[in-house]
Amino acid sequence: MTREALLRYIATFRRLFPLVMPTPQVADRALDLAGRFSLSHWDSMLLGGCKEAGVTTLYTEDMGAPTSYDGIQLVNPFT
């Protein structure tokens, strides 16, 4: 793969999957979700980041899918 092709691939990936860092807003959402739904720290951080990024569907095999948290639908891709 050429460097130019790699850079195009990375740019496309970043457009499709925006990076949401654990900002204060993400941390606040995570704390809220953890408190209301008794979620683990890591699960609530993941959901907080999803909520902040506008994600509506999260594919997971270990968070109790199928269920929904604050408009984020959890889907087990293996069932």
Protein backbone atom coordinates (compact mmCIF):
# COMPACT_ATOMS: atom_id res chain seq x y z
CA MET A 1 0.00 0.00 0.00
CA THR A 2 1.38 3.38 -0.91
CA ARG A 3 1.60 6.21 1.59
CA GLU A 4 -1.01 8.16 -0.37
CA ALA A 5 -3.42 5.22 -0.30
CA LEU A 6 -2.86 4.79 3.42
CA LEU A 7 -3.57 8.48 4.08
CA ARG A 8 -6.80 8.27 2.02
CA TYR A 9 -7.85 5.16 3.93
CA ILE A 10 -7.20 6.83 7.29
CA ALA A 11 -9.09 9.98 6.21
CA THR A 12 -12.08 7.87 5.15
CA PHE A 13 -11.99 5.90 8.40
CA ARG A 14 -11.88 9.11 10.47
CA ARG A 15 -14.88 10.53 8.59
CA LEU A 16 -16.89 7.36 9.18
CA PHE A 17 -15.85 6.90 12.80
CA PRO A 18 -15.29 10.25 14.51
CA LEU A 19 -13.05 10.25 17.56
CA VAL A 20 -14.72 11.44 20.75
CA MET A 21 -12.30 11.92 23.59
CA PRO A 22 -13.35 11.71 27.25
CA THR A 23 -14.18 15.39 27.55
CA PRO A 24 -15.87 16.77 30.66
CA GLN A 25 -19.21 16.38 28.83
CA VAL A 26 -18.53 12.71 28.09
CA ALA A 27 -17.48 12.12 31.70
CA ASP A 28 -20.64 13.86 32.96
CA ARG A 29 -22.82 11.75 30.67
CA ALA A 30 -20.99 8.61 31.80
CA LEU A 31 -21.50 9.42 35.47
CA ASP A 32 -25.19 10.09 34.83
CA LEU A 33 -25.64 6.84 32.90
CA ALA A 34 -23.73 4.81 35.49
CA GLY A 35 -25.89 6.22 38.28
CA ARG A 36 -29.23 5.78 36.55
CA PHE A 37 -28.60 2.35 35.04
CA SER A 38 -26.03 0.79 37.44
CA LEU A 39 -23.48 0.44 34.63
CA SER A 40 -19.78 -0.22 35.06
CA HIS A 41 -17.37 2.67 34.60
CA TRP A 42 -16.14 1.41 31.22
CA ASP A 43 -19.61 0.67 29.86
CA SER A 44 -20.87 4.08 30.93
CA MET A 45 -17.82 5.81 29.38
CA LEU A 46 -18.44 3.99 26.10
CA LEU A 47 -22.12 4.96 26.13
CA GLY A 48 -21.26 8.54 27.13
CA GLY A 49 -18.92 8.80 24.15
CA CYS A 50 -21.57 7.30 21.87
CA LYS A 51 -24.17 9.77 23.10
CA GLU A 52 -21.80 12.71 22.62
CA ALA A 53 -20.96 11.54 19.07
CA GLY A 54 -24.59 11.04 18.09
CA VAL A 55 -24.31 7.26 17.82
CA THR A 56 -27.72 5.56 17.94
CA THR A 57 -26.68 1.90 17.58
CA LEU A 58 -23.87 0.16 19.46
CA TYR A 59 -22.94 -3.38 18.45
CA THR A 60 -21.84 -5.31 21.53
CA GLU A 61 -21.94 -8.87 22.75
CA ASP A 62 -21.46 -8.21 26.45
CA MET A 63 -23.58 -5.23 27.54
CA GLY A 64 -26.93 -6.97 27.80
CA ALA A 65 -28.08 -6.50 24.22
CA PRO A 66 -30.79 -6.15 23.09
CA THR A 67 -31.60 -3.13 25.21
CA SER A 68 -31.48 0.64 24.99
CA TYR A 69 -29.89 3.40 27.08
CA ASP A 70 -30.91 7.02 26.45
CA GLY A 71 -31.65 6.43 22.79
CA ILE A 72 -28.65 4.19 22.11
CA GLN A 73 -29.84 0.79 20.95
CA LEU A 74 -27.53 -2.09 21.93
CA VAL A 75 -27.42 -4.89 19.37
CA ASN A 76 -25.64 -8.22 19.71
CA PRO A 77 -24.18 -8.88 16.24
CA PHE A 78 -23.86 -12.60 16.98
CA THR A 79 -27.53 -13.36 17.56
